[in-house]
N, C-alpha and C. Protein backbone atom coordinates (compact mmCIF):
# COMPACT_ATOMS: atom_id res chain seq x y z
N UNK A 1 34.35 -18.33 49.88
CA UNK A 1 33.61 -17.50 50.77
C UNK A 1 33.59 -16.04 50.32
N UNK A 2 34.73 -15.62 49.79
CA UNK A 2 34.81 -14.22 49.34
C UNK A 2 33.88 -13.98 48.15
N UNK A 3 33.67 -15.02 47.32
CA UNK A 3 32.75 -14.88 46.19
C UNK A 3 31.33 -14.65 46.68
N UNK A 4 30.94 -15.36 47.74
CA UNK A 4 29.60 -15.16 48.30
C UNK A 4 29.45 -13.77 48.90
N UNK A 5 30.50 -13.30 49.55
CA UNK A 5 30.44 -11.96 50.13
C UNK A 5 30.32 -10.89 49.05
N UNK A 6 31.11 -11.03 47.98
CA UNK A 6 31.04 -10.02 46.90
C UNK A 6 29.70 -10.10 46.17
N UNK A 7 29.16 -11.31 45.99
CA UNK A 7 27.84 -11.44 45.36
C UNK A 7 26.76 -10.83 46.23
N UNK A 8 26.88 -11.04 47.56
CA UNK A 8 25.93 -10.46 48.51
C UNK A 8 26.01 -8.93 48.47
N UNK A 9 27.23 -8.41 48.41
CA UNK A 9 27.43 -6.96 48.35
C UNK A 9 26.82 -6.38 47.07
N UNK A 10 27.06 -7.04 45.94
CA UNK A 10 26.52 -6.58 44.65
C UNK A 10 24.99 -6.65 44.65
N UNK A 11 24.46 -7.71 45.21
CA UNK A 11 23.01 -7.87 45.26
C UNK A 11 22.37 -6.78 46.12
N UNK A 12 23.00 -6.46 47.25
CA UNK A 12 22.48 -5.38 48.08
C UNK A 12 22.54 -4.04 47.34
N UNK A 13 23.62 -3.83 46.59
CA UNK A 13 23.74 -2.60 45.80
C UNK A 13 22.66 -2.51 44.74
N UNK A 14 22.37 -3.62 44.12
CA UNK A 14 21.33 -3.64 43.08
C UNK A 14 19.95 -3.40 43.70
N UNK A 15 19.71 -3.96 44.86
CA UNK A 15 18.42 -3.80 45.51
C UNK A 15 18.17 -2.35 45.93
N UNK A 16 19.25 -1.62 46.23
CA UNK A 16 19.08 -0.22 46.58
C UNK A 16 18.63 0.61 45.37
N UNK A 17 19.06 0.23 44.17
CA UNK A 17 18.70 0.99 42.97
C UNK A 17 17.32 0.59 42.43
N UNK A 18 16.90 -0.64 42.74
CA UNK A 18 15.60 -1.11 42.25
C UNK A 18 14.53 -0.68 43.24
N UNK A 19 13.49 -0.04 42.68
CA UNK A 19 12.39 0.40 43.53
C UNK A 19 11.21 -0.54 43.34
N UNK A 20 10.55 -0.87 44.41
CA UNK A 20 9.41 -1.77 44.36
C UNK A 20 8.30 -1.19 43.48
N UNK A 21 8.11 0.13 43.54
CA UNK A 21 7.07 0.76 42.71
C UNK A 21 7.35 0.54 41.23
N UNK A 22 8.65 0.61 40.85
CA UNK A 22 9.01 0.39 39.44
C UNK A 22 8.68 -1.04 39.01
N UNK A 23 8.96 -2.00 39.88
CA UNK A 23 8.66 -3.39 39.57
C UNK A 23 7.15 -3.59 39.45
N UNK A 24 6.39 -3.01 40.37
CA UNK A 24 4.93 -3.12 40.32
C UNK A 24 4.38 -2.47 39.05
N UNK A 25 4.90 -1.29 38.71
CA UNK A 25 4.44 -0.61 37.49
C UNK A 25 4.75 -1.44 36.25
N UNK A 26 5.94 -2.03 36.22
CA UNK A 26 6.32 -2.86 35.08
C UNK A 26 5.40 -4.08 34.97
N UNK A 27 5.08 -4.70 36.11
CA UNK A 27 4.18 -5.85 36.08
C UNK A 27 2.78 -5.44 35.65
N UNK A 28 2.32 -4.28 36.10
CA UNK A 28 1.00 -3.79 35.67
C UNK A 28 0.96 -3.55 34.16
N UNK A 29 2.03 -2.95 33.64
CA UNK A 29 2.09 -2.72 32.19
C UNK A 29 2.09 -4.04 31.43
N UNK A 30 2.83 -5.03 31.93
CA UNK A 30 2.87 -6.33 31.28
C UNK A 30 1.49 -7.00 31.31
N UNK A 31 0.79 -6.88 32.42
CA UNK A 31 -0.56 -7.45 32.51
C UNK A 31 -1.51 -6.77 31.53
N UNK A 32 -1.39 -5.44 31.41
CA UNK A 32 -2.23 -4.72 30.44
C UNK A 32 -1.93 -5.18 29.03
N UNK A 33 -0.65 -5.34 28.70
CA UNK A 33 -0.29 -5.82 27.36
C UNK A 33 -0.79 -7.23 27.12
N UNK A 34 -0.74 -8.07 28.12
CA UNK A 34 -1.25 -9.43 27.97
C UNK A 34 -2.76 -9.42 27.76
N UNK A 35 -3.48 -8.53 28.47
CA UNK A 35 -4.93 -8.43 28.28
C UNK A 35 -5.25 -7.97 26.86
N UNK A 36 -4.51 -7.00 26.37
CA UNK A 36 -4.73 -6.52 25.00
C UNK A 36 -4.43 -7.62 24.01
N UNK A 37 -3.36 -8.35 24.24
CA UNK A 37 -3.00 -9.46 23.35
C UNK A 37 -4.09 -10.53 23.35
N UNK A 38 -4.65 -10.83 24.51
CA UNK A 38 -5.73 -11.82 24.58
C UNK A 38 -6.98 -11.34 23.85
N UNK A 39 -7.29 -10.06 23.96
CA UNK A 39 -8.44 -9.51 23.23
C UNK A 39 -8.24 -9.63 21.73
N UNK A 40 -7.04 -9.34 21.28
CA UNK A 40 -6.74 -9.45 19.85
C UNK A 40 -6.87 -10.90 19.40
N UNK A 41 -6.34 -11.83 20.18
CA UNK A 41 -6.43 -13.24 19.83
C UNK A 41 -7.88 -13.72 19.79
N UNK A 42 -8.69 -13.26 20.73
CA UNK A 42 -10.11 -13.63 20.72
C UNK A 42 -10.80 -13.08 19.48
N UNK A 43 -10.46 -11.85 19.12
CA UNK A 43 -11.08 -11.23 17.95
C UNK A 43 -10.69 -11.98 16.68
N UNK A 44 -9.43 -12.35 16.58
CA UNK A 44 -8.97 -13.06 15.38
C UNK A 44 -9.48 -14.50 15.34
N UNK A 45 -9.77 -15.06 16.49
CA UNK A 45 -10.19 -16.46 16.54
C UNK A 45 -11.68 -16.68 16.43
N UNK A 46 -12.44 -15.61 16.19
CA UNK A 46 -13.90 -15.77 16.10
C UNK A 46 -14.31 -16.58 14.89
N UNK A 47 -15.39 -17.28 15.06
CA UNK A 47 -15.98 -18.04 13.97
C UNK A 47 -17.13 -17.23 13.39
N UNK A 48 -17.10 -17.00 12.11
CA UNK A 48 -18.13 -16.19 11.45
C UNK A 48 -19.12 -17.10 10.72
N UNK A 49 -20.00 -17.69 11.48
CA UNK A 49 -21.06 -18.55 10.94
C UNK A 49 -20.51 -19.68 10.07
N UNK A 50 -19.35 -20.17 10.39
CA UNK A 50 -18.81 -21.33 9.69
C UNK A 50 -19.25 -22.54 10.48
N UNK A 51 -19.93 -23.45 9.84
CA UNK A 51 -20.40 -24.62 10.59
C UNK A 51 -19.23 -25.46 11.09
N UNK A 52 -19.49 -26.16 12.19
CA UNK A 52 -18.44 -27.00 12.77
C UNK A 52 -18.09 -28.16 11.85
N UNK A 53 -19.09 -28.69 11.18
CA UNK A 53 -18.86 -29.81 10.28
C UNK A 53 -18.97 -29.32 8.85
N UNK A 54 -17.89 -29.45 8.11
CA UNK A 54 -17.89 -29.05 6.71
C UNK A 54 -17.67 -30.30 5.87
N UNK A 55 -18.58 -30.52 4.94
CA UNK A 55 -18.49 -31.68 4.07
C UNK A 55 -17.46 -31.41 2.98
N UNK A 56 -16.34 -32.12 3.02
CA UNK A 56 -15.27 -31.90 2.06
C UNK A 56 -15.69 -32.27 0.65
N UNK A 57 -16.53 -33.28 0.52
CA UNK A 57 -16.99 -33.69 -0.81
C UNK A 57 -17.81 -32.57 -1.45
N UNK A 58 -18.62 -31.90 -0.65
CA UNK A 58 -19.42 -30.79 -1.17
C UNK A 58 -18.51 -29.64 -1.60
N UNK A 59 -17.49 -29.34 -0.80
CA UNK A 59 -16.54 -28.29 -1.16
C UNK A 59 -15.78 -28.63 -2.43
N UNK A 60 -15.36 -29.88 -2.56
CA UNK A 60 -14.66 -30.29 -3.78
C UNK A 60 -15.57 -30.21 -5.00
N UNK A 61 -16.86 -30.52 -4.81
CA UNK A 61 -17.81 -30.38 -5.91
C UNK A 61 -17.96 -28.93 -6.34
N UNK A 62 -18.02 -28.01 -5.37
CA UNK A 62 -18.10 -26.59 -5.71
C UNK A 62 -16.83 -26.12 -6.42
N UNK A 63 -15.68 -26.62 -5.98
CA UNK A 63 -14.42 -26.26 -6.63
C UNK A 63 -14.39 -26.76 -8.07
N UNK A 64 -14.86 -27.98 -8.29
CA UNK A 64 -14.91 -28.51 -9.65
C UNK A 64 -15.85 -27.68 -10.52
N UNK A 65 -16.98 -27.25 -9.96
CA UNK A 65 -17.91 -26.42 -10.73
C UNK A 65 -17.27 -25.08 -11.08
N UNK A 66 -16.52 -24.51 -10.16
CA UNK A 66 -15.82 -23.26 -10.45
C UNK A 66 -14.77 -23.45 -11.54
N UNK A 67 -14.06 -24.57 -11.50
CA UNK A 67 -13.06 -24.84 -12.54
C UNK A 67 -13.72 -24.99 -13.90
N UNK A 68 -14.89 -25.61 -13.94
CA UNK A 68 -15.62 -25.75 -15.20
C UNK A 68 -16.05 -24.38 -15.71
N UNK A 69 -16.57 -23.54 -14.79
CA UNK A 69 -16.97 -22.20 -15.19
C UNK A 69 -15.79 -21.40 -15.72
N UNK A 70 -14.65 -21.52 -15.07
CA UNK A 70 -13.47 -20.81 -15.53
C UNK A 70 -12.97 -21.38 -16.85
N UNK A 71 -13.17 -22.65 -17.05
CA UNK A 71 -12.75 -23.28 -18.31
C UNK A 71 -13.50 -22.72 -19.50
N UNK A 72 -14.76 -22.31 -19.29
CA UNK A 72 -15.52 -21.73 -20.40
C UNK A 72 -15.04 -20.34 -20.74
N UNK A 73 -14.32 -19.70 -19.82
CA UNK A 73 -13.80 -18.36 -20.07
C UNK A 73 -12.44 -18.40 -20.74
N UNK A 74 -11.88 -19.57 -20.97
CA UNK A 74 -10.56 -19.69 -21.57
C UNK A 74 -10.65 -19.45 -23.07
N UNK A 75 -9.55 -18.90 -23.61
CA UNK A 75 -9.49 -18.76 -25.07
C UNK A 75 -8.72 -19.94 -25.65
N UNK A 76 -8.36 -19.85 -26.91
CA UNK A 76 -7.69 -20.97 -27.58
C UNK A 76 -6.32 -21.26 -26.97
N UNK A 77 -5.69 -20.27 -26.39
CA UNK A 77 -4.36 -20.46 -25.80
C UNK A 77 -4.44 -21.11 -24.42
N UNK A 78 -5.63 -21.27 -23.87
CA UNK A 78 -5.78 -21.84 -22.55
C UNK A 78 -5.57 -20.82 -21.45
N UNK A 79 -5.66 -19.53 -21.80
CA UNK A 79 -5.49 -18.47 -20.83
C UNK A 79 -6.85 -17.92 -20.44
N UNK A 80 -7.11 -17.76 -19.14
CA UNK A 80 -8.40 -17.21 -18.72
C UNK A 80 -8.58 -15.79 -19.26
N UNK A 81 -9.83 -15.40 -19.43
CA UNK A 81 -10.12 -14.09 -20.03
C UNK A 81 -9.61 -12.95 -19.17
N UNK A 82 -9.59 -13.13 -17.84
CA UNK A 82 -9.13 -12.04 -17.00
C UNK A 82 -7.62 -11.87 -17.04
N UNK A 83 -6.89 -12.84 -17.59
CA UNK A 83 -5.44 -12.71 -17.72
C UNK A 83 -5.02 -12.32 -19.13
N UNK A 84 -5.95 -12.26 -20.06
CA UNK A 84 -5.63 -11.90 -21.42
C UNK A 84 -5.35 -10.41 -21.52
N UNK A 85 -4.43 -10.04 -22.41
CA UNK A 85 -4.14 -8.60 -22.55
C UNK A 85 -5.35 -7.88 -23.14
N UNK A 86 -5.43 -6.60 -22.81
CA UNK A 86 -6.52 -5.79 -23.34
C UNK A 86 -6.43 -5.71 -24.85
N UNK A 87 -7.59 -5.52 -25.47
CA UNK A 87 -7.62 -5.37 -26.92
C UNK A 87 -6.92 -4.08 -27.30
N UNK A 88 -6.24 -4.13 -28.44
CA UNK A 88 -5.53 -2.93 -28.90
C UNK A 88 -6.56 -1.91 -29.33
N UNK A 89 -6.43 -0.74 -28.78
CA UNK A 89 -7.40 0.32 -29.04
C UNK A 89 -6.72 1.38 -29.88
N UNK A 90 -7.28 1.66 -31.04
CA UNK A 90 -6.72 2.68 -31.92
C UNK A 90 -7.22 4.04 -31.44
N UNK A 91 -6.32 4.84 -30.92
CA UNK A 91 -6.70 6.11 -30.32
C UNK A 91 -7.28 7.06 -31.36
N UNK A 92 -6.70 7.10 -32.53
CA UNK A 92 -7.15 8.06 -33.55
C UNK A 92 -8.57 7.75 -34.03
N UNK A 93 -8.90 6.47 -34.11
CA UNK A 93 -10.25 6.12 -34.56
C UNK A 93 -11.28 6.30 -33.46
N UNK A 94 -10.87 6.12 -32.21
CA UNK A 94 -11.82 6.15 -31.11
C UNK A 94 -12.16 7.54 -30.62
N UNK A 95 -11.33 8.50 -30.87
CA UNK A 95 -11.57 9.85 -30.36
C UNK A 95 -11.98 10.79 -31.48
N UNK A 96 -12.91 11.65 -31.19
CA UNK A 96 -13.31 12.69 -32.14
C UNK A 96 -12.80 14.02 -31.62
N UNK A 97 -11.55 14.31 -31.95
CA UNK A 97 -10.93 15.53 -31.47
C UNK A 97 -10.82 16.54 -32.61
N UNK A 98 -10.88 17.82 -32.29
CA UNK A 98 -10.68 18.83 -33.33
C UNK A 98 -9.23 18.82 -33.78
N UNK A 99 -8.98 19.31 -34.97
CA UNK A 99 -7.61 19.34 -35.47
C UNK A 99 -6.82 20.38 -34.69
N UNK A 100 -5.52 20.19 -34.67
CA UNK A 100 -4.64 21.10 -33.94
C UNK A 100 -4.56 22.42 -34.67
N UNK A 101 -4.46 23.54 -33.95
CA UNK A 101 -4.34 24.84 -34.61
C UNK A 101 -3.01 24.96 -35.34
N UNK A 102 -3.03 25.71 -36.41
CA UNK A 102 -1.82 25.91 -37.22
C UNK A 102 -1.41 27.37 -37.08
N UNK A 103 -0.12 27.60 -36.86
CA UNK A 103 0.39 28.97 -36.75
C UNK A 103 0.21 29.51 -35.35
N UNK A 104 0.42 30.82 -35.20
CA UNK A 104 0.31 31.47 -33.90
C UNK A 104 -1.13 31.93 -33.68
N UNK A 105 -1.52 31.88 -32.43
CA UNK A 105 -2.86 32.36 -32.08
C UNK A 105 -2.87 33.87 -32.16
N UNK A 106 -3.98 34.39 -32.59
CA UNK A 106 -4.08 35.85 -32.68
C UNK A 106 -4.28 36.43 -31.28
N UNK A 107 -3.74 37.60 -31.06
CA UNK A 107 -3.84 38.27 -29.76
C UNK A 107 -5.12 39.08 -29.76
N UNK A 108 -5.98 38.88 -28.76
CA UNK A 108 -7.22 39.65 -28.71
C UNK A 108 -6.93 41.15 -28.60
N UNK A 109 -7.90 41.94 -29.05
CA UNK A 109 -7.75 43.39 -29.01
C UNK A 109 -7.64 43.86 -27.58
N UNK A 110 -6.79 44.82 -27.33
CA UNK A 110 -6.62 45.35 -25.99
C UNK A 110 -5.52 44.65 -25.21
N UNK A 111 -4.98 43.60 -25.75
CA UNK A 111 -3.89 42.89 -25.10
C UNK A 111 -2.65 42.94 -25.98
N UNK A 112 -1.54 42.99 -25.35
CA UNK A 112 -0.31 42.94 -26.13
C UNK A 112 0.58 41.85 -25.57
N UNK A 113 1.28 41.18 -26.45
CA UNK A 113 2.19 40.13 -26.04
C UNK A 113 3.57 40.73 -25.89
N UNK A 114 3.91 41.05 -24.64
CA UNK A 114 5.17 41.73 -24.37
C UNK A 114 6.33 40.75 -24.40
N UNK A 115 6.10 39.50 -24.08
CA UNK A 115 7.17 38.52 -23.97
C UNK A 115 7.62 38.06 -25.34
N UNK A 116 8.93 37.98 -25.53
CA UNK A 116 9.47 37.48 -26.79
C UNK A 116 9.39 35.95 -26.79
N UNK A 117 9.33 35.37 -27.98
CA UNK A 117 9.24 33.92 -28.11
C UNK A 117 10.45 33.40 -28.85
N UNK A 118 10.83 32.16 -28.56
CA UNK A 118 11.92 31.55 -29.30
C UNK A 118 11.37 30.87 -30.54
N UNK A 119 12.22 30.07 -31.23
CA UNK A 119 11.80 29.44 -32.48
C UNK A 119 10.72 28.40 -32.31
N UNK A 120 10.50 27.92 -31.09
CA UNK A 120 9.46 26.93 -30.84
C UNK A 120 8.17 27.54 -30.31
N UNK A 121 8.14 28.87 -30.17
CA UNK A 121 6.95 29.53 -29.69
C UNK A 121 6.88 29.60 -28.18
N UNK A 122 7.96 29.23 -27.51
CA UNK A 122 8.01 29.28 -26.05
C UNK A 122 8.57 30.63 -25.62
N UNK A 123 8.28 31.06 -24.40
CA UNK A 123 8.84 32.34 -23.93
C UNK A 123 10.37 32.29 -23.96
N UNK A 124 10.95 33.32 -24.51
CA UNK A 124 12.42 33.36 -24.63
C UNK A 124 13.02 33.66 -23.28
N UNK A 125 14.21 33.07 -23.02
CA UNK A 125 14.93 33.29 -21.79
C UNK A 125 15.75 34.56 -21.94
N UNK A 126 15.68 35.48 -21.01
CA UNK A 126 16.49 36.70 -21.10
C UNK A 126 17.97 36.36 -21.14
N UNK A 127 18.73 37.09 -21.93
CA UNK A 127 20.15 36.81 -22.10
C UNK A 127 20.94 36.98 -20.80
N UNK A 128 20.52 37.85 -19.91
CA UNK A 128 21.27 38.11 -18.69
C UNK A 128 21.25 36.88 -17.78
N UNK A 129 20.25 36.01 -17.89
CA UNK A 129 20.19 34.87 -17.00
C UNK A 129 20.90 33.65 -17.56
N UNK A 130 21.39 33.71 -18.79
CA UNK A 130 22.10 32.58 -19.38
C UNK A 130 23.57 32.70 -19.04
N UNK A 131 24.13 31.63 -18.50
CA UNK A 131 25.56 31.63 -18.13
C UNK A 131 26.37 31.11 -19.31
N UNK A 132 27.48 31.75 -19.53
CA UNK A 132 28.37 31.31 -20.62
C UNK A 132 29.50 30.49 -20.09
C-alpha cells in the first residue's frame, strides 16, 4: 500500500511540473515533422515516366548491346579505353617556350636595386634578423 501512495505522490509531483501547453506544443511539432517527412517520402517515391510494365528481355537485350559496344573499345589487354592510362606526353616537344634568360636582368634606367642579393639571386636576409 505504501508503494501505491509513494507512486501517487510522485505522479502528482510530476504532473505539477508538466504543463499541458508544453505537451500540446510538442505534439504540434511532432505532427509538423511527420508532415514534412511524408512530403519528402512522396517526393522520393515519384515515378518519372517509368512504365508500370517493363520487359526484362528488352532490358537484357539493351545491356548486351552496351556490352558489345564497350567490347569494341577494349584494347589488347582487355581494358576499356576509359580506364587506360593517358598517353605519355613529352612536355619539351609539345610546348614552344622561349629559352630561359641567362645571367642577371639589367636594371632599367632611373631605377636602382637597393636590396642585396645572395648567391642564388634572392634578396639577402639582413644579419640582424638571423639568430645565432
